Protein backbone atom coordinates (compact mmCIF):
# COMPACT_ATOMS: atom_id res chain seq x y z
CA UNK A 1 186.70 84.69 -2.74
CA UNK A 2 185.38 81.68 -4.66
CA UNK A 3 181.50 82.08 -5.27
CA UNK A 4 179.13 79.35 -4.81
CA UNK A 5 177.83 79.92 -8.32
CA UNK A 6 180.70 80.42 -10.95
CA UNK A 7 179.10 82.79 -13.52
CA UNK A 8 180.59 85.35 -15.86
CA UNK A 9 179.75 88.88 -14.91
CA UNK A 10 180.03 90.13 -18.47
CA UNK A 11 176.56 90.00 -19.72
CA UNK A 12 174.09 92.12 -21.70
CA UNK A 13 171.10 93.90 -20.06
CA UNK A 14 167.71 92.01 -20.34
CA UNK A 15 166.98 91.90 -24.05
CA UNK A 16 163.56 91.91 -25.75
CA UNK A 17 162.50 89.63 -28.51
CA UNK A 18 163.95 91.83 -31.38
CA UNK A 19 167.04 92.75 -29.52
CA UNK A 20 167.79 89.18 -28.62
CA UNK A 21 167.27 88.08 -32.30
CA UNK A 22 169.46 90.84 -33.63
CA UNK A 23 172.44 90.26 -31.29
CA UNK A 24 172.14 86.50 -32.07
CA UNK A 25 172.04 87.24 -35.82
CA UNK A 26 175.32 89.29 -35.43
CA UNK A 27 177.05 86.63 -33.55
CA UNK A 28 176.05 83.88 -36.02
CA UNK A 29 177.21 86.10 -38.97
CA UNK A 30 180.67 86.37 -37.26
CA UNK A 31 180.88 82.71 -36.30
CA UNK A 32 184.18 81.19 -37.17
CA UNK A 33 184.07 77.50 -36.06
CA UNK A 34 180.68 76.41 -34.43
CA UNK A 35 177.06 77.18 -33.75
CA UNK A 36 174.78 75.10 -31.19
CA UNK A 37 171.14 75.87 -30.91
CA UNK A 38 169.09 74.16 -28.27
CA UNK A 39 165.46 74.97 -28.58
CA UNK A 40 162.46 73.06 -27.57
CA UNK A 41 160.41 74.11 -30.55
CA UNK A 42 162.00 74.66 -34.01
CA UNK A 43 160.11 75.83 -37.11
CA UNK A 44 161.11 76.10 -40.75
CA UNK A 45 161.03 79.72 -40.63
CA UNK A 46 163.68 79.74 -37.77
CA UNK A 47 166.07 77.38 -39.75
CA UNK A 48 165.67 79.49 -42.92
CA UNK A 49 166.51 82.63 -40.84
CA UNK A 50 169.62 80.78 -39.72
CA UNK A 51 170.41 79.95 -43.47
CA UNK A 52 170.42 83.66 -44.16
CA UNK A 53 172.74 84.55 -41.11
CA UNK A 54 175.47 82.04 -41.62
CA UNK A 55 178.23 83.68 -43.77
CA UNK A 56 180.89 80.97 -43.65
CA UNK A 57 179.59 77.50 -44.91
CA UNK A 58 182.49 75.75 -43.17
CA UNK A 59 181.01 76.66 -39.67
CA UNK A 60 179.76 73.53 -37.89
CA UNK A 61 176.27 73.90 -36.92
CA UNK A 62 174.10 71.63 -34.58
CA UNK A 63 170.33 72.05 -33.89
CA UNK A 64 168.76 70.24 -30.95
CA UNK A 65 165.03 70.13 -30.77
CA UNK A 66 162.64 68.28 -28.37
CA UNK A 67 160.47 66.82 -31.08
CA UNK A 68 158.05 64.94 -28.78
CA UNK A 69 154.84 63.55 -30.32
CA UNK A 70 152.67 66.36 -29.04
CA UNK A 71 154.96 69.08 -30.53
CA UNK A 72 155.14 67.32 -33.98
CA UNK A 73 151.43 66.36 -33.90
CA UNK A 74 150.14 69.91 -33.10
CA UNK A 75 152.71 71.71 -35.32
CA UNK A 76 154.75 73.32 -32.58
CA UNK A 77 157.85 72.13 -34.33
CA UNK A 78 158.23 71.12 -38.05
CA UNK A 79 159.59 67.72 -39.20
CA UNK A 80 160.97 69.24 -42.30
CA UNK A 81 163.45 71.38 -40.34
CA UNK A 82 165.62 68.27 -40.68
CA UNK A 83 165.68 68.58 -44.42
CA UNK A 84 166.59 72.21 -44.18
CA UNK A 85 169.41 71.49 -41.83
CA UNK A 86 170.62 68.57 -43.98
CA UNK A 87 170.76 70.81 -46.92
CA UNK A 88 173.57 72.67 -45.30
CA UNK A 89 175.19 69.62 -43.76
CA UNK A 90 174.23 70.57 -40.28
CA UNK A 91 173.56 67.99 -37.56
CA UNK A 92 169.96 67.86 -36.24
CA UNK A 93 169.30 66.10 -32.88
CA UNK A 94 166.54 65.15 -30.60
CA UNK A 95 166.78 65.65 -26.85
CA UNK A 96 163.90 64.20 -24.86
CA UNK A 97 162.28 66.53 -22.44
CA UNK A 98 164.27 69.41 -23.66
CA UNK A 99 162.85 72.74 -22.52
CA UNK A 100 165.94 75.02 -22.76
CA UNK A 101 166.51 77.78 -25.28
CA UNK A 102 170.19 78.10 -25.28
CA UNK A 103 172.44 79.21 -28.20
CA UNK A 104 176.38 78.89 -28.16
CA UNK A 105 178.48 80.59 -30.86
CA UNK A 106 182.29 79.53 -31.06
CA UNK A 107 182.21 78.39 -27.59
CA UNK A 108 182.33 81.96 -26.57
CA UNK A 109 178.95 83.92 -27.01
CA UNK A 110 176.20 82.38 -24.96
CA UNK A 111 172.56 83.33 -25.48
CA UNK A 112 170.12 82.29 -22.79
CA UNK A 113 166.45 83.24 -22.58
CA UNK A 114 162.86 82.29 -23.42
CA UNK A 115 162.91 82.53 -27.32
CA UNK A 116 162.50 79.34 -29.29
CA UNK A 117 163.95 79.17 -32.85
CA UNK A 118 160.41 79.79 -34.25
CA UNK A 119 158.76 82.74 -36.16
CA UNK A 120 157.06 83.99 -33.11
CA UNK A 121 159.91 83.20 -30.73
CA UNK A 122 162.45 85.17 -32.64
CA UNK A 123 160.13 87.83 -34.10
CA UNK A 124 160.45 86.71 -37.53
CA UNK A 125 156.74 87.27 -38.32
CA UNK A 126 155.07 90.61 -37.85
CA UNK A 127 153.27 89.63 -34.63
CA UNK A 128 155.47 87.78 -32.14
CA UNK A 129 155.70 86.52 -28.64
CA UNK A 130 157.00 88.61 -25.68
CA UNK A 131 160.41 87.13 -25.11
CA UNK A 132 163.32 88.01 -22.99
CA UNK A 133 166.93 86.75 -22.69
CA UNK A 134 170.58 87.74 -22.12
CA UNK A 135 173.90 87.48 -23.96
CA UNK A 136 176.82 86.19 -21.88
CA UNK A 137 180.42 85.28 -22.11
CA UNK A 138 180.49 81.45 -22.04
CA UNK A 139 182.54 79.85 -19.10
CA UNK A 140 184.11 76.37 -19.32
CA UNK A 141 181.25 74.98 -17.11
CA UNK A 142 178.62 76.42 -19.42
CA UNK A 143 180.43 74.79 -22.54
CA UNK A 144 180.73 71.41 -20.64
CA UNK A 145 176.99 71.39 -19.69
CA UNK A 146 175.99 72.00 -23.31
CA UNK A 147 178.39 69.31 -24.65
CA UNK A 148 176.83 66.91 -22.00
CA UNK A 149 173.34 67.65 -23.39
CA UNK A 150 174.65 67.06 -27.06
CA UNK A 151 175.98 63.73 -26.02
CA UNK A 152 172.55 62.80 -24.49
CA UNK A 153 170.71 63.81 -27.59
CA UNK A 154 169.84 61.45 -30.43
CA UNK A 155 170.95 62.00 -34.06
CA UNK A 156 168.26 62.36 -36.66
CA UNK A 157 168.98 60.51 -39.89
CA UNK A 158 167.00 59.84 -43.11
CA UNK A 159 165.71 56.60 -41.77
CA UNK A 160 164.41 58.05 -38.49
CA UNK A 161 163.03 61.19 -40.38
CA UNK A 162 161.23 58.89 -42.87
CA UNK A 163 159.63 56.89 -40.04
CA UNK A 164 158.44 60.09 -38.29
CA UNK A 165 157.17 61.50 -41.51
CA UNK A 166 155.06 58.35 -42.11
CA UNK A 167 153.83 58.55 -38.41
CA UNK A 168 152.70 62.03 -38.82
CA UNK A 169 150.91 61.43 -42.17
CA UNK A 170 148.99 58.66 -40.54
CA UNK A 171 147.68 60.70 -37.63
CA UNK A 172 144.15 61.21 -37.07
CA UNK A 173 143.11 64.85 -36.89
CA UNK A 174 144.42 66.42 -33.79
CA UNK A 175 142.22 68.89 -31.94
CA UNK A 176 143.38 71.25 -29.21
CA UNK A 177 141.99 70.79 -25.79
CA UNK A 178 139.48 73.70 -25.00
CA UNK A 179 138.84 74.57 -21.34
CA UNK A 180 135.83 76.16 -19.95
CA UNK A 181 136.12 79.80 -19.18
CA UNK A 182 136.44 81.02 -15.59
CA UNK A 183 133.04 81.88 -13.82
CA UNK A 184 132.01 85.57 -13.71
CA UNK A 185 132.75 85.59 -10.08
CA UNK A 186 136.48 84.73 -10.75
CA UNK A 187 136.62 87.10 -13.61
CA UNK A 188 135.60 90.01 -11.46
CA UNK A 189 138.34 89.30 -9.05
CA UNK A 190 140.96 89.09 -11.67
CA UNK A 191 140.77 92.68 -12.59
CA UNK A 192 142.32 93.57 -15.90
CA UNK A 193 143.94 96.82 -16.81
CA UNK A 194 142.03 97.97 -19.89
CA UNK A 195 144.26 101.11 -20.35
CA UNK A 196 147.03 99.04 -22.19
CA UNK A 197 147.04 96.13 -24.48
CA UNK A 198 149.30 93.58 -25.95
CA UNK A 199 149.70 92.73 -29.74
CA UNK A 200 148.72 89.12 -28.95
CA UNK A 201 145.32 90.34 -27.56
CA UNK A 202 144.30 91.37 -31.10
CA UNK A 203 142.77 89.09 -33.56
CA UNK A 204 145.48 88.32 -36.29
CA UNK A 205 142.68 87.50 -38.99
CA UNK A 206 139.46 89.16 -40.04
CA UNK A 207 136.23 87.88 -38.88
CA UNK A 208 135.49 86.51 -42.26
CA UNK A 209 138.66 84.55 -42.41
CA UNK A 210 138.05 83.03 -39.09
CA UNK A 211 134.40 82.08 -39.94
CA UNK A 212 135.47 80.63 -43.19
CA UNK A 213 138.69 78.79 -42.60
CA UNK A 214 140.30 77.51 -45.71
CA UNK A 215 143.86 76.84 -44.41
CA UNK A 216 145.15 76.44 -40.90
CA UNK A 217 148.04 78.69 -40.15
CA UNK A 218 149.75 80.52 -37.19
CA UNK A 219 147.30 83.40 -37.30
CA UNK A 220 144.24 81.19 -37.51
CA UNK A 221 145.51 79.10 -34.49
CA UNK A 222 146.19 82.24 -32.51
CA UNK A 223 142.61 83.45 -33.02
CA UNK A 224 141.08 80.06 -32.34
CA UNK A 225 143.06 80.00 -28.95
CA UNK A 226 142.30 83.69 -28.33
CA UNK A 227 138.62 83.13 -28.56
CA UNK A 228 138.63 79.74 -27.01
CA UNK A 229 137.06 78.15 -30.12
CA UNK A 230 137.97 75.20 -32.38
CA UNK A 231 137.82 74.71 -36.19
CA UNK A 232 134.74 72.40 -35.67
CA UNK A 233 132.95 74.39 -33.23
CA UNK A 234 133.22 77.92 -34.61
CA UNK A 235 130.07 79.86 -35.84
CA UNK A 236 128.81 83.36 -36.01
CA UNK A 237 127.00 83.31 -32.62
CA UNK A 238 129.97 81.74 -30.73
CA UNK A 239 132.58 83.97 -32.32
CA UNK A 240 130.23 87.05 -31.48
CA UNK A 241 129.96 86.08 -27.86
CA UNK A 242 133.69 85.31 -27.60
CA UNK A 243 134.72 88.67 -29.19
CA UNK A 244 132.25 90.43 -26.94
CA UNK A 245 133.92 88.84 -23.68
CA UNK A 246 137.56 89.47 -25.09
CA UNK A 247 139.99 91.75 -23.59
CA UNK A 248 140.48 93.61 -26.89
CA UNK A 249 136.84 94.54 -26.90
CA UNK A 250 136.83 95.63 -23.19
CA UNK A 251 139.92 97.77 -24.01
CA UNK A 252 138.16 99.29 -26.89
CA UNK A 253 135.13 100.18 -24.90
CA UNK A 254 137.35 101.76 -22.19
CA UNK A 255 139.00 103.88 -24.98
CA UNK A 256 135.66 105.09 -26.34
CA UNK A 257 134.69 106.01 -22.70
CA UNK A 258 137.79 108.15 -22.43
CA UNK A 259 137.21 110.12 -25.65
CA UNK A 260 135.04 113.28 -26.09
CA UNK A 261 131.69 112.45 -27.27
CA UNK A 262 132.52 108.64 -26.55
CA UNK A 263 133.49 108.18 -30.22
CA UNK A 264 136.58 107.43 -32.31
CA UNK A 265 137.03 107.90 -35.91
CA UNK A 266 138.59 105.17 -37.82
CA UNK A 267 141.56 107.31 -38.91
CA UNK A 268 142.51 107.94 -35.35
CA UNK A 269 142.31 104.41 -34.37
CA UNK A 270 145.91 103.32 -35.43
CA UNK A 271 147.56 106.08 -33.19
CA UNK A 272 145.40 104.96 -30.21
CA UNK A 273 146.46 101.35 -30.83
CA UNK A 274 150.15 102.53 -30.98
CA UNK A 275 149.98 104.49 -27.83
CA UNK A 276 148.27 101.77 -25.80
CA UNK A 277 150.55 98.90 -26.74
CA UNK A 278 152.79 97.33 -24.03
CA UNK A 279 155.00 95.59 -26.65
CA UNK A 280 158.49 96.94 -26.74
CA UNK A 281 159.61 97.61 -29.37
CA UNK A 282 156.16 98.27 -30.93
CA UNK A 283 155.37 96.91 -34.19
CA UNK A 284 155.85 98.93 -37.40
CA UNK A 285 153.10 101.14 -38.52
CA UNK A 286 151.93 98.86 -41.30
CA UNK A 287 151.58 96.04 -38.85
CA UNK A 288 149.46 98.14 -36.60
CA UNK A 289 147.25 99.06 -39.48
CA UNK A 290 146.74 95.41 -39.92
CA UNK A 291 145.81 94.85 -36.38
CA UNK A 292 143.41 97.80 -36.79
CA UNK A 293 141.94 96.26 -40.02
CA UNK A 294 141.36 92.84 -38.35
CA UNK A 295 139.87 94.37 -35.24
CA UNK A 296 137.35 96.68 -37.25
CA UNK A 297 136.10 93.70 -39.23
CA UNK A 298 134.79 92.14 -36.09
CA UNK A 299 132.89 95.30 -35.15
CA UNK A 300 131.37 95.56 -38.75
CA UNK A 301 130.60 91.70 -38.86
CA UNK A 302 128.62 91.69 -35.62
CA UNK A 303 125.90 93.98 -34.40
CA UNK A 304 126.90 94.84 -30.77
CA UNK A 305 124.27 97.09 -29.14
CA UNK A 306 126.97 99.13 -27.29
CA UNK A 307 128.49 100.31 -30.65
CA UNK A 308 127.23 102.26 -33.39
CA UNK A 309 129.15 102.49 -36.75
CA UNK A 310 128.38 105.34 -38.98
CA UNK A 311 129.96 107.61 -41.54
CA UNK A 312 129.46 111.36 -40.82
CA UNK A 313 131.31 113.69 -43.17
CA UNK A 314 132.75 110.78 -45.28
CA UNK A 315 134.79 109.60 -42.23
CA UNK A 316 134.02 106.24 -40.53
CA UNK A 317 132.92 106.72 -36.72
CA UNK A 318 132.68 104.31 -33.96
CA UNK A 319 130.54 105.57 -31.25
CA UNK A 320 129.61 104.10 -27.77
CA UNK A 321 125.91 104.14 -27.31
CA UNK A 322 124.55 104.53 -23.76
């Protein structure tokens, strides 16, 4: 019987970020004729990753990004991706209003999901987004839909790239919009689970790095967004209050309350973090150590009355004070 929605039944299980990236990488390595990537956001690290995956230089590759003014102004996508694509004789296109994340290899392997071709989207950096997707056998209808999207896209050439580069270089400083926090009455109703935590709830820089910003990068941007602050507005008092109100601080208070004597030694903190993470797969131990180090700098930098830091028997201890 003909179904209303023709769809291949041969598909993977739901894939997490790393599994999606790994299967996509295998498919790209095995590509014989064509690779098509449609991704709203595209970053240099994503294109460089593709450079490493493609074995046969004769494979035709097309990258399609959204590249609207907000993406480029705020750095969600990198203009120089075009140059990296051109280096390999790949086509680079812009499709207005693109929000899809679709990858088609040899008109056969179809990857559909939430990951963009970015460091955080494809888990190409130590701390990444929580993404999901599936691998499918492409149908003729799937291939035709992708071809139609390619026809609708605008080809990037040197002249267009130069115009866009000039436009971006002349932009005034672009600040992210900062929204007021929910009132306490709303926060109390939105009860959070403090037993478990995500990697993205941790600060990705030290307190000192955030208070003395020398260069904007993904980790700095993450922490500014995490704490609801901007480069121009951040100071000791604002960061101290934001950290006190953060989920990561509340999670840590919960952990202290559960431990005997309401204390945790620094040496045990990495295993507590590891066991509390919801991310699957969990980060490597060295990355957990980095999260631990960053978090600890906030405790040391700011004097919170709930927390006492000392060093009995040469071991650093964090204790909850009643």
